Amino acid sequence: MAGNTFGQLFTLTTFGESHGEALGGVIDGCPAGLTIDFDFIQSELDRRRPGQSHIVTQRKESDNVEFLSGVFEGKTMGTPIGFIIRNENQKPKDYEHTIDVYRPSHADYTYDAKYGARDYRGGGRSSARETVSRVVAGAIAKLILKQVGITINAYTSQVGDIKLLKSYHELDLTKVETNVVRCPDELLADTMIQRIEQVRKAGDTIGGVISCIIKGTPVGLGEPVFDKLHADLGKAMLSINAVKGFEYGSGFEGVKMNGSQHNDSFLPFSKEHREGEKLKTKTNHSGGIQGGISNGEDIYFRVAFKPVATIMQKQATVNSKGEAVEMQGKGRHDPCVLPRAVPIVEAMAALVLVDHLLRNKSVRM
């Protein structure tokens, strides 16, 4: 199986299955001398951890990370960083009813058709549990970004048809972690939680949108023509389980505007202009990226997540022989992925930004 490595200079290779012994990864290209904040890395894992609230899967995993290499006396050595997260609460028997059955909208059929074999225990490699390794690497990437003043904040902006209409400029993003759905608007968060609870009680699932804001990005990140910054961000987000769409800046709404409305006009320097000061734009429909290169403005994008494919209702499907069968989901599953996907979106954005920082010769680390 190919495709288990992400990045060019700062790379992450992940391994492991949902109900195997452990998951883990190898990070290569991390600069030497970086102080590793182990508590911060664990706090990021805790944000993704299952069982953290009543509106996510009740699988109980501590998700404690063990570093195997690349870190000595609390600092990176510049060598590959190996780590594992042991699975503590595997229940493969919950999936025995799917051994010969293709679950609707899962990867069961495509894995079987491509490889001639599949891990029926929660989907194996296709399970969203694989993202635990991304969060570890993303946390280390965030520590690098912190050194150069780059911050990444994601939040739930839509659940089903319940949509947060406020711009991120109007929101207090410090409130994202004050509720279990991770929406910075507390009143709307209550409505979102109620909708997820209703859907869960009906044995169904629901999707939504996560918005992400990147501040402090220097001018010049992005490698035209095929490695545009927004293209790499899009690839990163679309690699996350259940993601069905990605848009940045004005996105699809931008098609409603004329060029005279959409263009981001540059502002002249002030009289107090200082050497090294960067140009600013009056508006930011470009989402902080022009020509595939960051322009110093805020980068903002949205990621659409489909409803979780596993539902606790009977569904018509087929088995590996093509025979009609009926199945129903069992075990512990998320009725909505959004609360736990927020740190995953941030982690993947951090991996992209660090990779481009290292690739950009004009930026000094």
Protein backbone atom coordinates (compact mmCIF):
# COMPACT_ATOMS: atom_id res chain seq x y z
CA MET A 1 0.00 0.00 0.00
CA ALA A 2 1.47 3.33 -1.07
CA GLY A 3 0.42 6.81 0.02
CA ASN A 4 1.27 6.62 3.73
CA THR A 5 3.70 9.58 3.69
CA PHE A 6 2.81 13.29 3.67
CA GLY A 7 5.10 16.23 2.94
CA GLN A 8 8.36 16.84 1.05
CA LEU A 9 10.94 18.14 3.55
CA PHE A 10 8.97 17.83 6.79
CA THR A 11 7.43 14.39 6.30
CA LEU A 12 5.10 12.16 8.27
CA THR A 13 4.69 8.45 7.60
CA THR A 14 1.92 6.78 9.60
CA PHE A 15 1.24 3.13 10.34
CA GLY A 16 -1.21 0.95 12.25
CA GLU A 17 -4.85 -0.11 12.22
CA SER A 18 -7.92 0.90 14.19
CA HIS A 19 -8.09 -2.31 16.23
CA GLY A 20 -4.47 -3.44 15.95
CA GLU A 21 -1.84 -3.29 18.69
CA ALA A 22 -0.89 0.34 18.08
CA LEU A 23 -0.77 3.25 15.68
CA GLY A 24 2.20 5.47 15.15
CA GLY A 25 4.39 7.44 12.84
CA VAL A 26 7.83 8.55 11.78
CA ILE A 27 8.52 12.28 11.38
CA ASP A 28 11.53 13.12 9.24
CA GLY A 29 13.00 16.52 8.45
CA CYS A 30 12.27 18.13 11.82
CA PRO A 31 15.01 20.68 12.62
CA ALA A 32 17.36 19.82 15.48
CA GLY A 33 17.21 21.72 18.76
CA LEU A 34 13.45 22.14 18.97
CA THR A 35 12.26 21.92 22.59
CA ILE A 36 9.47 19.36 22.78
CA ASP A 37 6.55 20.35 24.98
CA PHE A 38 5.21 16.91 25.88
CA ASP A 39 2.25 18.33 27.82
CA PHE A 40 1.18 20.37 24.79
CA ILE A 41 1.38 17.34 22.49
CA GLN A 42 -0.75 15.33 24.90
CA SER A 43 -3.28 18.16 25.19
CA GLU A 44 -3.67 18.13 21.41
CA LEU A 45 -4.25 14.36 21.50
CA ASP A 46 -6.82 14.85 24.26
CA ARG A 47 -8.77 17.20 21.97
CA ARG A 48 -9.02 14.40 19.39
CA ARG A 49 -9.46 11.58 21.91
CA PRO A 50 -12.60 9.40 21.76
CA GLY A 51 -14.94 9.33 24.73
CA GLN A 52 -14.39 12.99 25.65
CA SER A 53 -18.10 13.89 25.63
CA HIS A 54 -21.58 12.47 25.14
CA ILE A 55 -21.76 13.55 21.47
CA VAL A 56 -18.75 11.54 20.27
CA THR A 57 -17.85 7.85 20.17
CA GLN A 58 -17.63 6.27 23.62
CA ARG A 59 -14.57 4.19 22.79
CA LYS A 60 -12.22 4.63 25.77
CA GLU A 61 -8.64 5.36 24.75
CA SER A 62 -6.10 7.37 26.76
CA ASP A 63 -4.13 8.03 23.54
CA ASN A 64 -0.85 8.48 25.38
CA VAL A 65 2.05 8.94 22.95
CA GLU A 66 5.38 7.16 23.43
CA PHE A 67 8.42 8.62 21.66
CA LEU A 68 10.86 5.99 20.48
CA SER A 69 13.55 8.04 18.76
CA GLY A 70 14.66 11.48 17.61
CA VAL A 71 14.20 13.22 20.97
CA PHE A 72 16.92 13.42 23.62
CA GLU A 73 16.80 15.39 26.85
CA GLY A 74 13.63 17.12 25.67
CA LYS A 75 15.00 18.36 22.34
CA THR A 76 14.86 17.10 18.78
CA MET A 77 18.07 15.67 17.35
CA GLY A 78 17.37 16.28 13.68
CA THR A 79 16.99 12.52 13.22
CA PRO A 80 13.73 10.65 12.47
CA ILE A 81 11.22 10.95 15.30
CA GLY A 82 9.45 7.64 15.88
CA PHE A 83 6.37 7.36 18.10
CA ILE A 84 3.48 5.03 18.89
CA ILE A 85 0.03 5.30 20.48
CA ARG A 86 -1.14 1.95 21.81
CA ASN A 87 -4.72 0.81 21.29
CA GLU A 88 -6.16 -0.02 24.72
CA ASN A 89 -9.83 -0.62 23.95
CA GLN A 90 -9.99 -2.76 20.82
CA LYS A 91 -13.27 -4.58 20.24
CA PRO A 92 -12.89 -6.39 16.91
CA LYS A 93 -15.91 -8.58 17.73
CA ASP A 94 -18.09 -5.51 17.17
CA TYR A 95 -17.26 -5.88 13.47
CA GLU A 96 -17.60 -9.65 12.96
CA HIS A 97 -20.96 -9.09 11.28
CA THR A 98 -19.15 -7.18 8.50
CA ILE A 99 -16.53 -9.84 7.66
CA ASP A 100 -18.26 -10.65 4.36
CA VAL A 101 -20.46 -7.56 4.06
CA TYR A 102 -19.73 -4.27 2.29
CA ARG A 103 -20.87 -1.39 4.48
CA PRO A 104 -22.51 1.44 2.49
CA SER A 105 -20.20 4.45 1.87
CA HIS A 106 -17.24 2.76 3.57
CA ALA A 107 -13.94 1.65 2.00
CA ASP A 108 -14.78 -2.06 2.33
CA TYR A 109 -15.50 -2.71 -1.34
CA THR A 110 -12.75 -0.49 -2.77
CA TYR A 111 -10.06 -1.99 -0.50
CA ASP A 112 -11.21 -5.50 -1.37
CA ALA A 113 -11.26 -4.73 -5.09
CA LYS A 114 -7.82 -3.05 -5.03
CA TYR A 115 -5.85 -5.24 -2.63
CA GLY A 116 -7.80 -8.50 -2.59
CA ALA A 117 -7.98 -8.24 1.21
CA ARG A 118 -9.25 -5.90 3.89
CA ASP A 119 -9.20 -5.46 7.65
CA TYR A 120 -12.86 -5.68 8.70
CA ARG A 121 -12.04 -4.50 12.26
CA GLY A 122 -13.35 -0.96 11.95
CA GLY A 123 -11.84 -0.56 8.51
CA GLY A 124 -8.21 -1.00 9.57
CA ARG A 125 -6.13 1.67 7.79
CA SER A 126 -9.23 3.37 6.42
CA SER A 127 -10.45 4.15 9.94
CA ALA A 128 -10.30 7.74 11.19
CA ARG A 129 -8.31 6.41 14.14
CA GLU A 130 -5.28 6.72 11.85
CA THR A 131 -5.49 10.50 12.35
CA VAL A 132 -4.16 10.17 15.91
CA SER A 133 -0.67 10.02 14.38
CA ARG A 134 -1.32 13.18 12.37
CA VAL A 135 -2.19 15.06 15.56
CA VAL A 136 1.15 14.12 17.16
CA ALA A 137 3.08 15.35 14.11
CA GLY A 138 0.84 18.40 13.84
CA ALA A 139 1.55 19.32 17.46
CA ILE A 140 5.30 19.24 16.79
CA ALA A 141 4.72 21.32 13.66
CA LYS A 142 2.78 23.83 15.78
CA LEU A 143 5.77 24.15 18.11
CA ILE A 144 7.91 25.10 15.11
CA LEU A 145 5.30 27.57 13.84
CA LYS A 146 5.09 29.18 17.28
CA GLN A 147 8.73 30.20 16.93
CA VAL A 148 7.92 32.29 13.86
CA GLY A 149 4.62 33.69 15.14
CA ILE A 150 2.20 31.57 13.10
CA THR A 151 -1.04 30.46 14.81
CA ILE A 152 -3.73 28.08 13.58
CA ASN A 153 -7.29 28.02 14.97
CA ALA A 154 -10.11 25.85 13.70
CA TYR A 155 -13.70 25.64 14.89
CA THR A 156 -17.06 24.09 14.05
CA SER A 157 -18.99 26.57 11.92
CA GLN A 158 -21.87 24.38 10.71
CA VAL A 159 -23.74 21.25 11.80
CA GLY A 160 -26.28 20.08 9.24
CA ASP A 161 -28.24 23.22 8.30
CA ILE A 162 -27.28 25.06 11.51
CA LYS A 163 -24.74 27.58 10.25
CA LEU A 164 -22.60 30.17 12.01
CA LEU A 165 -23.06 33.31 9.90
CA LYS A 166 -20.55 35.52 11.69
CA SER A 167 -17.13 36.24 10.18
CA TYR A 168 -14.17 34.95 12.16
CA HIS A 169 -13.30 38.62 12.82
CA GLU A 170 -16.47 38.84 14.95
CA LEU A 171 -15.70 35.75 17.02
CA ASP A 172 -13.73 35.15 20.18
CA LEU A 173 -11.76 32.06 19.18
CA THR A 174 -10.66 31.51 22.78
CA LYS A 175 -14.19 30.16 23.35
CA VAL A 176 -13.77 27.24 20.94
CA GLU A 177 -12.80 24.88 23.76
CA THR A 178 -15.58 26.00 26.12
CA ASN A 179 -18.18 23.59 24.68
CA VAL A 180 -18.13 20.01 23.42
CA VAL A 181 -18.99 20.84 19.79
CA ARG A 182 -16.12 23.38 19.56
CA CYS A 183 -18.13 26.30 18.21
CA PRO A 184 -17.04 29.76 19.46
CA ASP A 185 -20.64 31.06 19.46
CA GLU A 186 -21.99 29.63 22.71
CA LEU A 187 -25.69 30.07 21.89
CA LEU A 188 -25.36 28.43 18.49
CA ALA A 189 -23.20 25.71 20.04
CA ASP A 190 -26.14 24.67 22.25
CA THR A 191 -28.37 24.37 19.20
CA MET A 192 -25.72 22.29 17.40
CA ILE A 193 -25.34 19.97 20.39
CA GLN A 194 -29.09 19.44 20.59
CA ARG A 195 -29.21 18.53 16.88
CA ILE A 196 -26.38 16.01 17.27
CA GLU A 197 -28.13 14.48 20.29
CA GLN A 198 -31.38 14.11 18.31
CA VAL A 199 -29.58 12.46 15.42
CA ARG A 200 -27.67 10.10 17.73
CA LYS A 201 -30.86 8.98 19.50
CA ALA A 202 -32.38 8.19 16.10
CA GLY A 203 -29.41 5.96 15.30
CA ASP A 204 -28.32 8.33 12.55
CA THR A 205 -25.39 10.69 11.86
CA ILE A 206 -24.90 14.26 10.66
CA GLY A 207 -22.18 16.25 8.88
CA GLY A 208 -21.07 19.86 8.82
CA VAL A 209 -18.25 22.33 8.24
CA ILE A 210 -15.05 23.26 10.07
CA SER A 211 -13.51 26.70 9.46
CA CYS A 212 -9.82 27.37 9.98
CA ILE A 213 -7.83 30.60 10.36
CA ILE A 214 -4.05 30.87 9.98
CA LYS A 215 -2.49 34.11 11.24
CA GLY A 216 1.08 35.38 11.05
CA THR A 217 2.05 33.66 7.80
CA PRO A 218 4.98 35.42 6.13
CA VAL A 219 4.87 36.48 2.49
CA GLY A 220 6.28 33.92 0.09
CA LEU A 221 5.11 30.45 1.14
CA GLY A 222 4.00 28.30 -1.78
CA GLU A 223 5.75 26.73 -4.76
CA PRO A 224 4.13 27.35 -8.14
CA VAL A 225 3.07 25.72 -10.37
CA PHE A 226 1.85 22.41 -8.93
CA ASP A 227 2.74 22.96 -5.28
CA LYS A 228 0.66 26.08 -4.67
CA LEU A 229 0.05 26.67 -0.98
CA HIS A 230 -3.72 26.40 -1.30
CA ALA A 231 -3.35 23.24 -3.41
CA ASP A 232 -1.30 21.58 -0.67
CA LEU A 233 -3.77 22.74 1.98
CA GLY A 234 -6.57 21.27 -0.12
CA LYS A 235 -4.76 17.95 -0.47
CA ALA A 236 -4.12 17.89 3.26
CA MET A 237 -7.75 18.50 4.16
CA LEU A 238 -9.14 16.12 1.53
CA SER A 239 -6.90 13.37 2.96
CA ILE A 240 -8.88 13.49 6.23
CA ASN A 241 -11.58 10.85 6.61
CA ALA A 242 -15.13 11.97 5.73
CA VAL A 243 -14.04 15.22 4.03
CA LYS A 244 -16.10 16.00 0.92
CA GLY A 245 -15.13 19.59 0.16
CA PHE A 246 -12.51 22.31 0.59
CA GLU A 247 -12.68 26.03 -0.22
CA TYR A 248 -10.44 28.92 0.75
CA GLY A 249 -10.90 32.68 0.69
CA SER A 250 -14.16 33.72 -0.95
CA GLY A 251 -14.58 30.14 -2.17
CA PHE A 252 -17.76 29.30 -4.07
CA GLU A 253 -19.43 32.50 -2.86
CA GLY A 254 -16.87 34.45 -4.88
CA VAL A 255 -18.55 33.46 -8.15
CA LYS A 256 -21.41 35.82 -7.26
CA MET A 257 -19.08 38.85 -7.40
CA ASN A 258 -17.66 40.85 -10.28
CA GLY A 259 -13.91 41.25 -10.61
CA SER A 260 -14.20 44.88 -9.53
CA GLN A 261 -15.74 43.66 -6.26
CA HIS A 262 -13.54 40.63 -5.75
CA ASN A 263 -10.09 42.15 -6.37
CA ASP A 264 -8.09 42.83 -3.20
CA SER A 265 -6.71 46.37 -3.59
CA PHE A 266 -3.30 47.13 -2.08
CA LEU A 267 -3.00 49.85 0.54
CA PRO A 268 -0.16 52.41 0.36
CA PHE A 269 2.41 52.47 3.13
CA SER A 270 1.74 54.88 5.97
CA LYS A 271 3.96 57.89 6.63
CA GLU A 272 5.50 55.91 9.52
CA HIS A 273 6.58 53.17 7.10
CA ARG A 274 9.37 51.02 8.55
CA GLU A 275 11.90 48.98 6.62
CA GLY A 276 10.69 45.40 6.24
CA GLU A 277 7.02 46.35 6.56
CA LYS A 278 4.81 44.28 4.25
CA LEU A 279 2.10 45.52 1.95
CA LYS A 280 -1.49 45.04 3.11
CA THR A 281 -4.72 44.67 1.16
CA LYS A 282 -8.02 46.46 1.73
CA THR A 283 -10.00 43.22 1.50
CA ASN A 284 -8.99 39.57 1.66
CA HIS A 285 -11.17 37.65 -0.77
CA SER A 286 -7.97 35.86 -1.83
CA GLY A 287 -7.80 34.16 1.56
CA GLY A 288 -4.18 35.17 2.12
CA ILE A 289 -2.92 33.41 -1.00
CA GLN A 290 -2.33 34.88 -4.46
CA GLY A 291 -0.79 32.96 -7.33
CA GLY A 292 -0.40 30.03 -4.97
CA ILE A 293 1.88 32.08 -2.68
CA SER A 294 1.04 33.53 0.74
CA ASN A 295 0.73 37.34 0.74
CA GLY A 296 0.92 37.91 4.50
CA GLU A 297 -2.82 38.30 5.09
CA ASP A 298 -4.85 35.83 7.15
CA ILE A 299 -5.30 32.47 5.44
CA TYR A 300 -8.80 31.14 5.96
CA PHE A 301 -10.57 28.09 4.59
CA ARG A 302 -13.52 25.78 5.18
CA VAL A 303 -13.70 21.98 5.17
CA ALA A 304 -16.95 20.06 4.60
CA PHE A 305 -17.45 16.73 6.38
CA LYS A 306 -20.09 14.21 5.34
CA PRO A 307 -22.29 12.37 7.86
CA VAL A 308 -20.48 9.38 9.38
CA ALA A 309 -21.10 6.31 7.22
CA THR A 310 -21.78 3.94 10.14
CA ILE A 311 -25.37 4.35 11.33
CA MET A 312 -27.35 2.34 13.89
CA GLN A 313 -30.17 1.68 11.46
CA LYS A 314 -30.81 -1.27 9.15
CA GLN A 315 -29.47 -0.77 5.64
CA ALA A 316 -29.70 -2.79 2.47
CA THR A 317 -26.32 -3.74 0.99
CA VAL A 318 -24.48 -6.72 -0.55
CA ASN A 319 -21.84 -9.22 0.51
CA SER A 320 -18.62 -10.10 -1.33
CA LYS A 321 -20.58 -12.47 -3.57
CA GLY A 322 -22.86 -9.66 -4.69
CA GLU A 323 -25.84 -11.10 -2.82
CA ALA A 324 -28.39 -8.79 -1.24
CA VAL A 325 -28.13 -8.64 2.56
CA GLU A 326 -29.26 -6.39 5.37
CA MET A 327 -26.95 -4.97 8.02
CA GLN A 328 -26.98 -2.59 10.97
CA GLY A 329 -24.08 -0.76 12.60
CA LYS A 330 -22.85 -1.98 15.97
CA GLY A 331 -20.30 -0.79 18.49
CA ARG A 332 -19.12 2.74 19.29
CA HIS A 333 -19.20 5.41 16.62
CA ASP A 334 -19.33 9.19 16.29
CA PRO A 335 -22.76 10.62 15.42
CA CYS A 336 -20.84 13.66 14.13
CA VAL A 337 -17.10 13.87 13.43
CA LEU A 338 -16.77 17.64 13.75
CA PRO A 339 -15.83 18.04 17.45
CA ARG A 340 -12.91 15.60 17.16
CA ALA A 341 -11.96 16.72 13.64
CA VAL A 342 -11.15 20.31 14.71
CA PRO A 343 -7.65 19.40 16.03
CA ILE A 344 -7.08 17.17 12.98
CA VAL A 345 -7.74 20.08 10.61
CA GLU A 346 -5.31 22.22 12.61
CA ALA A 347 -2.70 19.45 12.59
CA MET A 348 -2.82 18.98 8.81
CA ALA A 349 -2.63 22.75 8.24
CA ALA A 350 0.42 22.90 10.52
CA LEU A 351 2.16 20.13 8.56
CA VAL A 352 1.63 22.03 5.31
CA LEU A 353 2.87 25.33 6.73
CA VAL A 354 6.02 23.83 8.26
CA ASP A 355 6.83 21.93 5.08
CA HIS A 356 6.58 25.14 3.06
CA LEU A 357 8.59 27.11 5.63
CA LEU A 358 11.42 24.63 5.21
CA ARG A 359 11.08 24.72 1.42
CA ASN A 360 11.11 28.50 1.26
CA LYS A 361 14.71 29.72 1.19
CA SER A 362 13.64 33.30 1.93
CA VAL A 363 12.37 32.36 5.40
CA ARG A 364 14.91 31.86 8.16
CA MET A 365 14.03 29.44 10.93
